[in-house]
Amino acid sequence: MSALLRVFLPLLVGYATALWWCVERWNAPTGYFGHCWLLPGVAALVVWLRRRTWGEVPAVYDPSGFWLLGPGLLVHLYGALLMIDSASAAGLVFAVPGAAWLALGRARLAGLWPALWLVLFAVPAPIYVEGRAAFVLKEFAVQAGASLGNRLGADVVRAGANLQLAGRTEALFVADACSGLRSLLGLLTVAYCLAFFVGAPRGGRRAVLLLAAAPIAVAANVVRIAALCLLARAFGVPFAEGTGHLLANVCEWVAALGALLLLDAWCSRGAAPPGPAAPVRMPAGPRLVPPRVAAALWLAGAALLALSLLRPAGGDQGRAARLPPAVGAFQHAPRDEQELARYRRDRPRFQELLGTPDFAWERYRDAQGRFVHLVLLYHDSNWKSVHPPRICIEGTDMDIEADAVVAAPWLGDGATVSRIVARSRSDRSRHLTLSLFGTRDWSSGSYEAFWWHHMPRALLRDNASGFLVRVETLIRRGEDDAAAERRCAAFLQDLLPLVREPLR
C-alpha cells in the first residue's frame, strides 16, 4: 500500500492524459494497436504466476530507479509543454519500469523485467510514424503480392488504389489494411511473449524469435495479397473482398503463428531443463519510500497533469465544412454517389492521420472545366498533428519531382508557399500543388517556419488556431507547369480570406 500511495498513484495522476491518449489510439479505426488491450492482462498474469518467487523478497526503496523514471518524467514534461501527446506517452516506456524499480527494488523485480518492458508494445507510435510505416509496408506488400499473384496466373495490374484484373472491369481495392502493419505489430508482440514468458530462457532463441517475427509477418501479408488476386480471378472480386478476404486473413495469421512456433521448436532443441533457482539474496535498504520522495512525486504528478490539461481554447469543429460554393472563378464540383460513399468510408482514416475532424477534401472547377482539388484542415492545440504536404502526396501513389518553398508576392510582401510537382505511378500524369500554413495574421509555405512559429507559443500556451490549405491541379497534356501554377495561385488567392474568416 505504501508503494501504491507514494509512487504509483502520483505517477498515475501525472500520466493520466498520456494514458488516455494511448487508449484512444488502441481504439483507432485502423486497429493497428487493438492488441494492446491484452497486454495489461498478460503482464498481470505473468506477475501472478511468478508470485511465489518475488513474494519471498521484500520490497525496498531503490533510488537507482530514478535512472529510468527521471528520463520518463522529462520526456513527459517535453510533451506536456509542447502539447504533443505522443511524446508524453513515450515517457511511459521509461516511467513504468522505473517506478517499479524505485518502489520495489531490483531484487524483487528479478524475473519480472520482461513483463514490465511489455510497455514498449503498449505505447502506440506517433501518428506520423504510423502513417509513414503503413505507407512503406503497403507499397512493398502490394507490389510484391501482385507480382507473386501474376506468377501464379492472377494477371492483375495496379492502378492507383486498385488491382485491376486484366480483361475485366473488376478491380480489387487496395485498402490501408493491406500494409500488414497490424499483423506485423501483433506478431512482434506474440514473438516477445513467446520468447520471454514461454520456453527455454536462452538468449539465442529469444533473439531469433524477435528478429524473425517481422520478416514472417511481411511475407505472410505478401502471400495473402497474392491469394486475394487469385481468388478474384477465379471467383470474382465480390467474393475476394468478402468471404475470400476473411479466409485469407485467418490463413495469414495461422501460417504466421505456425511458422513462429516451428521456429521456436527448432531453436529449443536440446535445451536443458532449467536448473534450481539461485538462492535469493535479501536486499538491504529502507522498506518505505521516504516521505520527501513521495511528496516530490505527488507535486510532479499534479504539475504534469495541470500542464497537460492547460491548453488554449480552440474553435468549433465545423469550420472546414463551411466552404463556399464558389471561390473566385471556380465552382464547387460535388461528388457522385460512388465517390461520396468512398469518401465517407475513408473519412475516419483521414481524420486519424490528420489528427483533427475539422477538415475538408473537395474539388472546384473553372469555366473551362479544369479542376483544382482542395484539402483544408484547421488545428487548435493539436498543431503538432499537422505534417508536411509531401507526406500525403507520397501516400497517394505519387512520386515527387520537385519540392520547394517559393515566393508568393500575389499573397503579399514576403509571402511564400510550398510548391510540389508530382507524377502518378499508375497513369504517369503530373500534378502541381501549392500549400500554405497560416493563422489569422501569419502564413508561410515552410513546415519548419510553421514549427518555429507555434513551438514557442505552445510553451506559453499562446498559440493561435490555424490552418493548412493545399490546392492541387492536373498538369494537362500540352500545358506547361507555369499555367497550372497560375490556376492554383488564382484559386488560393481568392480562397485565403475565406479560410481565415472563421479564425477571426
Protein backbone atom coordinates (compact mmCIF):
# COMPACT_ATOMS: atom_id res chain seq x y z
CA MET A 1 0.00 0.00 0.00
CA SER A 2 2.89 2.34 0.73
CA ALA A 3 4.31 1.89 -2.79
CA LEU A 4 0.87 2.50 -4.27
CA LEU A 5 0.26 5.74 -2.40
CA ARG A 6 3.81 7.08 -2.54
CA VAL A 7 4.89 6.15 -6.08
CA PHE A 8 2.33 4.53 -8.37
CA LEU A 9 -0.72 6.69 -7.63
CA PRO A 10 1.02 10.08 -8.08
CA LEU A 11 2.53 8.85 -11.34
CA LEU A 12 -0.86 7.58 -12.47
CA VAL A 13 -2.19 11.10 -11.89
CA GLY A 14 0.73 12.67 -13.75
CA TYR A 15 0.40 10.40 -16.78
CA ALA A 16 -3.43 10.38 -16.88
CA THR A 17 -3.67 12.29 -20.18
CA ALA A 18 -0.89 10.20 -21.75
CA LEU A 19 -2.69 7.00 -20.77
CA TRP A 20 -5.93 8.35 -22.19
CA TRP A 21 -4.16 9.12 -25.49
CA CYS A 22 -2.91 5.52 -25.56
CA VAL A 23 -6.44 4.20 -25.03
CA GLU A 24 -7.74 6.39 -27.85
CA ARG A 25 -5.06 5.04 -30.18
CA TRP A 26 -5.85 1.47 -29.13
CA ASN A 27 -9.43 2.15 -30.29
CA ALA A 28 -8.40 3.87 -33.56
CA PRO A 29 -10.25 2.80 -36.76
CA THR A 30 -7.13 1.20 -38.25
CA GLY A 31 -6.93 -1.35 -35.42
CA TYR A 32 -3.12 -1.27 -35.59
CA PHE A 33 -2.90 -1.25 -31.79
CA GLY A 34 -6.04 -3.18 -30.89
CA HIS A 35 -3.92 -6.00 -29.45
CA CYS A 36 -2.61 -3.60 -26.79
CA TRP A 37 -5.79 -4.15 -24.76
CA LEU A 38 -4.47 -7.63 -23.92
CA LEU A 39 -1.07 -6.50 -22.67
CA PRO A 40 -2.02 -5.32 -19.14
CA GLY A 41 -3.70 -8.69 -18.60
CA VAL A 42 -0.65 -10.56 -19.92
CA ALA A 43 1.65 -8.62 -17.59
CA ALA A 44 -0.66 -9.21 -14.61
CA LEU A 45 -0.84 -12.94 -15.42
CA VAL A 46 2.96 -13.24 -15.56
CA VAL A 47 3.31 -11.43 -12.23
CA TRP A 48 0.66 -13.68 -10.65
CA LEU A 49 2.22 -16.90 -11.97
CA ARG A 50 5.60 -15.91 -10.56
CA ARG A 51 4.21 -14.60 -7.28
CA ARG A 52 5.89 -17.33 -5.21
CA THR A 53 9.35 -16.24 -6.37
CA TRP A 54 9.04 -12.49 -5.96
CA GLY A 55 6.81 -12.82 -2.90
CA GLU A 56 9.76 -14.20 -0.92
CA VAL A 57 11.73 -10.99 -1.47
CA PRO A 58 10.75 -7.90 0.47
CA ALA A 59 10.18 -4.63 -1.36
CA VAL A 60 12.76 -1.94 -0.69
CA TYR A 61 13.16 1.64 -1.80
CA ASP A 62 15.85 1.79 -4.51
CA PRO A 63 16.78 5.33 -5.66
CA SER A 64 18.53 3.79 -8.70
CA GLY A 65 15.04 3.60 -10.20
CA PHE A 66 15.36 7.31 -10.98
CA TRP A 67 17.79 6.35 -13.78
CA LEU A 68 14.67 5.26 -15.68
CA LEU A 69 11.94 7.26 -14.00
CA GLY A 70 13.82 10.55 -14.39
CA PRO A 71 14.06 10.38 -18.23
CA GLY A 72 10.45 9.23 -18.35
CA LEU A 73 9.31 12.32 -16.46
CA LEU A 74 11.46 14.60 -18.63
CA VAL A 75 10.04 13.15 -21.86
CA HIS A 76 6.52 13.62 -20.49
CA LEU A 77 7.38 17.19 -19.50
CA TYR A 78 8.58 17.89 -23.04
CA GLY A 79 5.34 16.52 -24.49
CA ALA A 80 3.18 18.41 -21.99
CA LEU A 81 4.96 21.71 -22.65
CA LEU A 82 4.53 21.45 -26.43
CA MET A 83 1.12 19.72 -26.22
CA ILE A 84 2.45 16.64 -28.07
CA ASP A 85 0.51 13.70 -26.65
CA SER A 86 2.62 11.04 -28.39
CA ALA A 87 5.76 12.40 -26.68
CA SER A 88 4.09 12.35 -23.27
CA ALA A 89 3.01 8.76 -23.87
CA ALA A 90 6.56 7.81 -24.89
CA GLY A 91 7.63 8.76 -21.36
CA LEU A 92 5.67 5.74 -20.11
CA VAL A 93 8.27 3.44 -21.68
CA PHE A 94 10.77 4.60 -19.05
CA ALA A 95 8.38 5.54 -16.25
CA VAL A 96 6.66 2.15 -15.83
CA PRO A 97 9.79 0.04 -15.18
CA GLY A 98 11.45 2.98 -13.42
CA ALA A 99 8.60 3.37 -10.93
CA ALA A 100 8.63 -0.36 -10.16
CA TRP A 101 12.40 -0.28 -9.67
CA LEU A 102 12.14 2.74 -7.38
CA ALA A 103 9.33 1.38 -5.21
CA LEU A 104 10.15 -2.35 -5.11
CA GLY A 105 13.89 -2.70 -5.73
CA ARG A 106 15.87 -4.73 -8.26
CA ALA A 107 15.89 -7.92 -6.18
CA ARG A 108 12.10 -8.18 -6.06
CA LEU A 109 11.84 -7.45 -9.79
CA ALA A 110 14.17 -10.33 -10.73
CA GLY A 111 12.37 -12.30 -13.43
CA LEU A 112 9.67 -9.66 -13.83
CA TRP A 113 11.53 -7.21 -16.07
CA PRO A 114 10.15 -8.72 -19.31
CA ALA A 115 6.60 -8.15 -18.01
CA LEU A 116 7.44 -4.50 -17.28
CA TRP A 117 9.00 -3.99 -20.71
CA LEU A 118 5.72 -5.01 -22.34
CA VAL A 119 5.06 -1.28 -22.11
CA LEU A 120 7.24 -0.99 -25.25
CA PHE A 121 4.46 -2.71 -27.19
CA ALA A 122 1.61 -0.92 -25.42
CA VAL A 123 2.60 2.68 -26.29
CA PRO A 124 1.48 3.48 -29.86
CA ALA A 125 3.81 5.18 -32.29
CA PRO A 126 3.12 8.83 -33.24
CA ILE A 127 0.51 9.16 -35.96
CA TYR A 128 3.09 10.44 -38.44
CA VAL A 129 5.38 7.44 -37.83
CA GLU A 130 2.44 5.05 -38.02
CA GLY A 131 1.23 6.53 -41.29
CA ARG A 132 4.67 6.51 -42.86
CA ALA A 133 5.34 2.91 -41.81
CA ALA A 134 1.95 1.81 -43.16
CA PHE A 135 2.63 3.54 -46.49
CA VAL A 136 6.06 1.91 -46.95
CA LEU A 137 4.78 -1.53 -45.96
CA LYS A 138 1.72 -1.19 -48.19
CA GLU A 139 3.78 -0.22 -51.24
CA PHE A 140 6.07 -3.21 -50.77
CA ALA A 141 3.32 -5.71 -49.95
CA VAL A 142 1.05 -4.71 -52.82
CA GLN A 143 3.84 -4.70 -55.41
CA ALA A 144 5.27 -7.99 -54.16
CA GLY A 145 1.83 -9.59 -53.70
CA ALA A 146 0.67 -8.60 -57.18
CA SER A 147 3.94 -9.86 -58.68
CA LEU A 148 3.61 -13.21 -56.90
CA GLY A 149 -0.04 -13.46 -57.89
CA ASN A 150 0.82 -12.78 -61.53
CA ARG A 151 3.44 -15.51 -61.49
CA LEU A 152 0.68 -17.88 -60.39
CA GLY A 153 -1.74 -16.67 -63.06
CA ALA A 154 -3.72 -13.83 -61.42
CA ASP A 155 -2.96 -11.36 -64.27
CA VAL A 156 -3.55 -8.10 -62.37
CA VAL A 157 -2.24 -4.58 -62.94
CA ARG A 158 -2.01 -1.94 -60.26
CA ALA A 159 -3.97 1.23 -61.00
CA GLY A 160 -3.67 3.67 -58.11
CA ALA A 161 -5.56 2.24 -55.16
CA ASN A 162 -6.82 -0.76 -57.14
CA LEU A 163 -5.51 -4.04 -58.53
CA GLN A 164 -7.20 -4.28 -61.92
CA LEU A 165 -7.98 -7.72 -63.34
CA ALA A 166 -6.75 -7.81 -66.93
CA GLY A 167 -9.61 -8.19 -69.41
CA ARG A 168 -12.26 -7.33 -66.81
CA THR A 169 -13.82 -4.22 -65.39
CA GLU A 170 -13.48 -5.60 -61.86
CA ALA A 171 -10.73 -4.38 -59.55
CA LEU A 172 -9.60 -5.19 -56.02
CA PHE A 173 -9.50 -2.13 -53.78
CA VAL A 174 -6.14 -1.78 -52.03
CA ALA A 175 -7.06 -0.57 -48.54
CA ASP A 176 -4.66 0.75 -45.90
CA ALA A 177 -5.08 -2.57 -44.08
CA CYS A 178 -3.14 -4.17 -46.93
CA SER A 179 0.01 -2.64 -45.43
CA GLY A 180 0.19 -5.51 -42.95
CA LEU A 181 1.19 -3.14 -40.15
CA ARG A 182 -1.49 -4.53 -37.87
CA SER A 183 -0.30 -8.13 -38.27
CA LEU A 184 3.33 -7.02 -38.01
CA LEU A 185 2.79 -5.28 -34.65
CA GLY A 186 0.68 -8.16 -33.39
CA LEU A 187 3.21 -10.82 -34.39
CA LEU A 188 6.10 -8.87 -32.87
CA THR A 189 4.17 -8.79 -29.58
CA VAL A 190 3.44 -12.52 -29.77
CA ALA A 191 7.11 -13.23 -30.52
CA TYR A 192 8.18 -11.21 -27.47
CA CYS A 193 5.73 -13.04 -25.20
CA LEU A 194 6.81 -16.38 -26.61
CA ALA A 195 10.48 -15.52 -26.18
CA PHE A 196 10.31 -14.30 -22.58
CA PHE A 197 7.31 -16.00 -20.98
CA VAL A 198 7.33 -19.47 -22.57
CA GLY A 199 10.06 -21.99 -23.26
CA ALA A 200 13.77 -22.14 -22.55
CA PRO A 201 15.35 -18.86 -21.36
CA ARG A 202 18.12 -18.93 -23.96
CA GLY A 203 19.44 -15.68 -25.37
CA GLY A 204 19.95 -17.09 -28.86
CA ARG A 205 16.39 -18.43 -29.03
CA ARG A 206 14.94 -15.12 -27.92
CA ALA A 207 16.98 -13.16 -30.44
CA VAL A 208 15.97 -15.45 -33.31
CA LEU A 209 12.26 -15.19 -32.46
CA LEU A 210 12.33 -11.41 -32.19
CA LEU A 211 14.34 -10.95 -35.39
CA ALA A 212 12.25 -13.42 -37.40
CA ALA A 213 8.82 -12.03 -36.46
CA ALA A 214 8.92 -9.05 -38.84
CA PRO A 215 10.03 -10.99 -41.97
CA ILE A 216 7.44 -13.69 -41.24
CA ALA A 217 4.65 -11.10 -40.90
CA VAL A 218 5.65 -9.25 -44.08
CA ALA A 219 5.98 -12.48 -46.09
CA ALA A 220 2.61 -13.74 -44.86
CA ASN A 221 0.97 -10.48 -45.93
CA VAL A 222 2.52 -10.69 -49.40
CA VAL A 223 1.17 -14.23 -49.81
CA ARG A 224 -2.24 -13.06 -48.55
CA ILE A 225 -2.45 -10.35 -51.22
CA ALA A 226 -1.36 -12.82 -53.90
CA ALA A 227 -4.07 -15.23 -52.74
CA LEU A 228 -6.70 -12.47 -52.92
CA CYS A 229 -5.65 -11.73 -56.52
CA LEU A 230 -6.05 -15.41 -57.40
CA LEU A 231 -9.43 -15.62 -55.64
CA ALA A 232 -10.61 -12.52 -57.52
CA ARG A 233 -9.56 -14.10 -60.81
CA ALA A 234 -11.23 -17.43 -60.01
CA PHE A 235 -14.39 -16.39 -58.15
CA GLY A 236 -14.80 -12.67 -58.77
CA VAL A 237 -13.97 -9.52 -56.85
CA PRO A 238 -17.06 -9.57 -54.56
CA PHE A 239 -16.05 -13.00 -53.25
CA ALA A 240 -12.40 -11.96 -52.85
CA GLU A 241 -13.33 -8.80 -50.95
CA GLY A 242 -15.86 -10.64 -48.76
CA THR A 243 -15.55 -14.30 -47.81
CA GLY A 244 -12.18 -14.65 -49.51
CA HIS A 245 -10.78 -11.71 -47.57
CA LEU A 246 -11.89 -13.25 -44.26
CA LEU A 247 -10.41 -16.64 -45.17
CA ALA A 248 -7.15 -15.08 -46.33
CA ASN A 249 -6.82 -13.13 -43.08
CA VAL A 250 -7.39 -16.25 -40.97
CA CYS A 251 -4.94 -18.29 -43.04
CA GLU A 252 -2.37 -15.49 -42.83
CA TRP A 253 -2.45 -15.50 -39.03
CA VAL A 254 -2.46 -19.28 -38.74
CA ALA A 255 0.51 -19.53 -41.11
CA ALA A 256 2.47 -16.75 -39.37
CA LEU A 257 1.87 -18.19 -35.90
CA GLY A 258 2.67 -21.68 -37.14
CA ALA A 259 5.95 -20.51 -38.64
CA LEU A 260 6.86 -18.75 -35.39
CA LEU A 261 6.06 -21.85 -33.32
CA LEU A 262 8.03 -24.11 -35.63
CA LEU A 263 10.98 -21.76 -35.41
CA ASP A 264 10.68 -21.77 -31.62
CA ALA A 265 10.65 -25.57 -31.58
CA TRP A 266 13.77 -25.67 -33.75
CA CYS A 267 15.57 -23.15 -31.52
CA SER A 268 14.58 -25.09 -28.38
CA ARG A 269 16.12 -28.39 -29.50
CA GLY A 270 18.47 -29.85 -26.93
CA ALA A 271 17.63 -27.22 -24.34
CA ALA A 272 18.42 -28.44 -20.85
CA PRO A 273 15.66 -28.14 -18.25
CA PRO A 274 16.08 -25.12 -16.02
CA GLY A 275 18.25 -25.76 -13.01
CA PRO A 276 17.40 -24.93 -9.43
CA ALA A 277 16.81 -21.29 -8.74
CA ALA A 278 19.74 -19.40 -7.30
CA PRO A 279 19.40 -18.52 -3.63
CA VAL A 280 17.72 -15.20 -3.10
CA ARG A 281 19.87 -12.53 -1.55
CA MET A 282 17.82 -10.39 0.74
CA PRO A 283 18.07 -6.74 -0.33
CA ALA A 284 19.30 -4.08 2.02
CA GLY A 285 17.79 -0.64 2.32
CA PRO A 286 14.73 1.14 3.65
CA ARG A 287 11.46 -0.64 3.11
CA LEU A 288 9.41 2.52 2.62
CA VAL A 289 9.79 5.27 0.06
CA PRO A 290 10.93 8.34 2.01
CA PRO A 291 8.19 10.94 2.61
CA ARG A 292 10.21 13.64 0.82
CA VAL A 293 10.42 11.47 -2.32
CA ALA A 294 6.69 10.71 -2.15
CA ALA A 295 5.90 14.41 -1.75
CA ALA A 296 8.10 15.27 -4.74
CA LEU A 297 6.35 12.65 -6.88
CA TRP A 298 2.91 13.96 -5.88
CA LEU A 299 3.96 17.50 -6.76
CA ALA A 300 5.41 16.36 -10.08
CA GLY A 301 2.30 14.33 -10.90
CA ALA A 302 -0.06 17.20 -10.11
CA ALA A 303 2.08 19.67 -12.10
CA LEU A 304 2.27 17.39 -15.13
CA LEU A 305 -1.47 16.78 -15.08
CA ALA A 306 -2.19 20.51 -14.84
CA LEU A 307 0.26 21.29 -17.64
CA SER A 308 -1.25 18.58 -19.84
CA LEU A 309 -4.79 19.88 -19.30
CA LEU A 310 -3.93 23.57 -19.62
CA ARG A 311 -4.41 24.20 -23.32
CA PRO A 312 -5.68 27.19 -25.28
CA ALA A 313 -9.35 27.14 -26.10
CA GLY A 314 -9.98 26.07 -29.67
CA GLY A 315 -12.58 26.99 -32.22
CA ASP A 316 -15.58 24.97 -33.25
CA GLN A 317 -15.08 21.76 -35.22
CA GLY A 318 -17.18 22.74 -38.27
CA ARG A 319 -15.02 25.43 -39.83
CA ALA A 320 -13.80 23.39 -42.80
CA ALA A 321 -17.35 22.27 -43.60
CA ARG A 322 -18.40 25.87 -44.30
CA LEU A 323 -16.58 26.17 -47.61
CA PRO A 324 -18.49 28.37 -50.07
CA PRO A 325 -20.00 27.02 -53.31
CA ALA A 326 -17.89 29.46 -55.31
CA VAL A 327 -14.30 30.64 -54.88
CA GLY A 328 -13.48 33.37 -57.38
CA ALA A 329 -13.99 31.94 -60.86
CA PHE A 330 -14.25 28.37 -59.54
CA GLN A 331 -17.45 26.50 -58.70
CA HIS A 332 -17.73 23.57 -56.29
CA ALA A 333 -17.95 20.19 -58.07
CA PRO A 334 -19.85 17.74 -55.84
CA ARG A 335 -19.05 14.02 -55.67
CA ASP A 336 -21.20 11.46 -57.34
CA GLU A 337 -22.83 8.72 -55.24
CA GLN A 338 -19.94 6.27 -55.62
CA GLU A 339 -17.32 8.89 -54.80
CA LEU A 340 -19.34 10.08 -51.81
CA ALA A 341 -19.67 6.54 -50.44
CA ARG A 342 -15.91 6.01 -50.77
CA TYR A 343 -15.19 9.35 -49.08
CA ARG A 344 -17.48 8.55 -46.15
CA ARG A 345 -15.83 5.15 -45.78
CA ASP A 346 -12.34 6.64 -45.74
CA ARG A 347 -13.05 9.76 -43.68
CA PRO A 348 -12.36 8.16 -40.25
CA ARG A 349 -8.93 7.12 -41.51
CA PHE A 350 -8.26 10.62 -42.89
CA GLN A 351 -9.31 12.11 -39.56
CA GLU A 352 -6.94 9.80 -37.73
CA LEU A 353 -3.98 10.66 -39.97
CA LEU A 354 -4.65 14.41 -39.94
CA GLY A 355 -5.23 14.49 -36.19
CA THR A 356 -8.40 16.57 -36.46
CA PRO A 357 -12.03 16.09 -37.51
CA ASP A 358 -12.13 19.67 -38.79
CA PHE A 359 -11.01 19.10 -42.37
CA ALA A 360 -12.44 19.09 -45.88
CA TRP A 361 -11.36 17.50 -49.13
CA GLU A 362 -13.28 19.00 -52.06
CA ARG A 363 -12.83 19.94 -55.69
CA TYR A 364 -13.69 23.05 -57.70
CA ARG A 365 -13.95 23.62 -61.45
CA ASP A 366 -13.41 26.72 -63.59
CA ALA A 367 -15.34 27.77 -66.70
CA GLN A 368 -13.00 25.72 -68.94
CA GLY A 369 -13.70 22.54 -66.94
CA ARG A 370 -10.29 22.48 -65.24
CA PHE A 371 -10.32 21.13 -61.70
CA VAL A 372 -8.48 22.14 -58.57
CA HIS A 373 -8.57 19.79 -55.58
CA LEU A 374 -8.64 21.40 -52.15
CA VAL A 375 -7.55 19.94 -48.82
CA LEU A 376 -8.24 22.25 -45.89
CA LEU A 377 -7.76 21.50 -42.20
CA TYR A 378 -7.97 23.63 -39.11
CA HIS A 379 -5.97 22.99 -35.95
CA ASP A 380 -6.03 24.33 -32.42
CA SER A 381 -3.80 22.95 -29.64
CA ASN A 382 -3.26 19.86 -31.81
CA TRP A 383 -0.91 21.85 -34.09
CA LYS A 384 1.75 19.13 -33.98
CA SER A 385 -0.59 16.74 -35.83
CA VAL A 386 -0.17 18.87 -38.97
CA HIS A 387 2.57 17.43 -41.17
CA PRO A 388 4.37 18.48 -44.38
CA PRO A 389 2.18 18.25 -47.53
CA ARG A 390 4.60 15.89 -49.25
CA ILE A 391 3.66 13.15 -46.76
CA CYS A 392 0.07 12.98 -48.04
CA ILE A 393 1.15 13.35 -51.67
CA GLU A 394 3.57 10.43 -51.41
CA GLY A 395 0.82 8.41 -49.77
CA THR A 396 -1.48 8.82 -52.80
CA ASP A 397 0.63 6.76 -55.18
CA MET A 398 2.78 9.64 -56.44
CA ASP A 399 6.50 10.29 -56.87
CA ILE A 400 7.64 13.83 -56.13
CA GLU A 401 9.66 15.51 -58.89
CA ALA A 402 10.12 18.94 -57.31
CA ASP A 403 9.56 20.26 -53.80
CA ALA A 404 10.48 23.83 -52.82
CA VAL A 405 9.27 26.83 -50.86
CA VAL A 406 8.82 29.66 -53.35
CA ALA A 407 7.94 33.34 -53.13
CA ALA A 408 4.25 34.24 -53.48
CA PRO A 409 4.09 38.02 -54.00
CA TRP A 410 0.43 37.71 -55.01
CA LEU A 411 -0.29 36.91 -51.34
CA GLY A 412 1.63 39.90 -50.01
CA ASP A 413 5.16 41.11 -49.41
CA GLY A 414 7.45 38.33 -48.20
CA ALA A 415 4.77 35.63 -48.58
CA THR A 416 5.80 32.09 -49.51
CA VAL A 417 4.05 28.85 -50.48
CA SER A 418 5.14 25.25 -50.79
CA ARG A 419 5.28 24.18 -54.45
CA ILE A 420 5.33 20.46 -55.27
CA VAL A 421 5.25 18.74 -58.66
CA ALA A 422 4.46 15.02 -58.52
CA ARG A 423 3.86 12.23 -61.01
CA SER A 424 1.28 9.47 -60.57
CA ARG A 425 2.76 5.98 -60.58
CA SER A 426 -0.33 4.46 -62.17
CA ASP A 427 -1.04 6.68 -65.21
CA ARG A 428 2.12 8.87 -65.19
CA SER A 429 0.02 12.05 -65.05
CA ARG A 430 1.68 15.10 -63.47
CA HIS A 431 0.15 17.27 -60.75
CA LEU A 432 1.11 20.62 -59.23
CA THR A 433 0.37 21.51 -55.61
CA LEU A 434 0.58 24.80 -53.71
CA SER A 435 0.32 24.61 -49.91
CA LEU A 436 0.21 27.16 -47.13
CA PHE A 437 0.32 27.06 -43.32
CA GLY A 438 -1.27 30.00 -41.54
CA THR A 439 -3.12 31.69 -38.71
CA ARG A 440 -5.30 34.78 -38.79
CA ASP A 441 -2.27 37.08 -39.09
CA TRP A 442 0.63 34.86 -40.25
CA SER A 443 1.37 32.45 -43.08
CA SER A 444 4.23 30.52 -44.65
CA GLY A 445 4.81 27.70 -47.09
CA SER A 446 7.60 26.27 -44.92
CA TYR A 447 6.90 23.48 -42.45
CA GLU A 448 9.99 24.50 -40.48
CA ALA A 449 8.62 28.04 -40.20
CA PHE A 450 5.27 26.59 -39.10
CA TRP A 451 7.05 24.60 -36.38
CA TRP A 452 9.07 27.53 -35.08
CA HIS A 453 6.04 29.81 -35.19
CA HIS A 454 3.94 27.53 -32.97
CA MET A 455 6.55 25.89 -30.72
CA PRO A 456 7.47 28.92 -28.54
CA ARG A 457 3.83 29.98 -28.39
CA ALA A 458 2.85 26.49 -27.29
CA LEU A 459 5.28 26.77 -24.38
CA LEU A 460 3.49 29.94 -23.28
CA ARG A 461 0.03 28.49 -24.10
CA ASP A 462 -0.39 31.37 -26.53
CA ASN A 463 -0.50 29.59 -29.89
CA ALA A 464 -3.41 30.62 -32.08
CA SER A 465 -5.72 28.39 -34.08
CA GLY A 466 -4.51 27.92 -37.60
CA PHE A 467 -4.88 26.03 -40.85
CA LEU A 468 -3.18 24.10 -43.60
CA VAL A 469 -4.55 24.60 -47.10
CA ARG A 470 -3.40 22.53 -50.07
CA VAL A 471 -4.50 23.22 -53.65
CA GLU A 472 -3.68 20.72 -56.38
CA THR A 473 -4.37 20.59 -60.11
CA LEU A 474 -3.62 18.26 -63.01
CA ILE A 475 -0.98 19.48 -65.46
CA ARG A 476 -2.76 18.76 -68.70
CA ARG A 477 -1.08 17.46 -71.80
CA GLY A 478 0.47 20.32 -73.69
CA GLU A 479 0.16 22.60 -70.67
CA ASP A 480 3.30 23.94 -69.04
CA ASP A 481 3.85 23.91 -65.29
CA ALA A 482 3.54 27.70 -65.07
CA ALA A 483 -0.05 27.65 -66.37
CA ALA A 484 -1.06 25.04 -63.80
CA GLU A 485 0.68 27.07 -61.09
CA ARG A 486 -1.23 30.22 -62.09
CA ARG A 487 -4.51 28.28 -61.82
CA CYS A 488 -3.65 27.11 -58.28
CA ALA A 489 -2.39 30.57 -57.33
CA ALA A 490 -5.59 32.30 -58.51
CA PHE A 491 -7.73 29.86 -56.54
CA LEU A 492 -5.57 30.11 -53.41
CA GLN A 493 -5.51 33.90 -53.54
CA ASP A 494 -9.33 34.08 -53.60
CA LEU A 495 -9.65 31.30 -51.01
CA LEU A 496 -7.27 32.61 -48.35
CA PRO A 497 -9.55 35.38 -46.92
CA LEU A 498 -12.38 32.84 -46.70
CA VAL A 499 -10.13 30.38 -44.87
CA ARG A 500 -9.05 33.00 -42.35
CA GLU A 501 -12.55 34.30 -41.68
CA PRO A 502 -13.56 31.56 -39.14
CA LEU A 503 -10.40 32.35 -37.15
CA ARG A 504 -11.38 35.97 -36.53
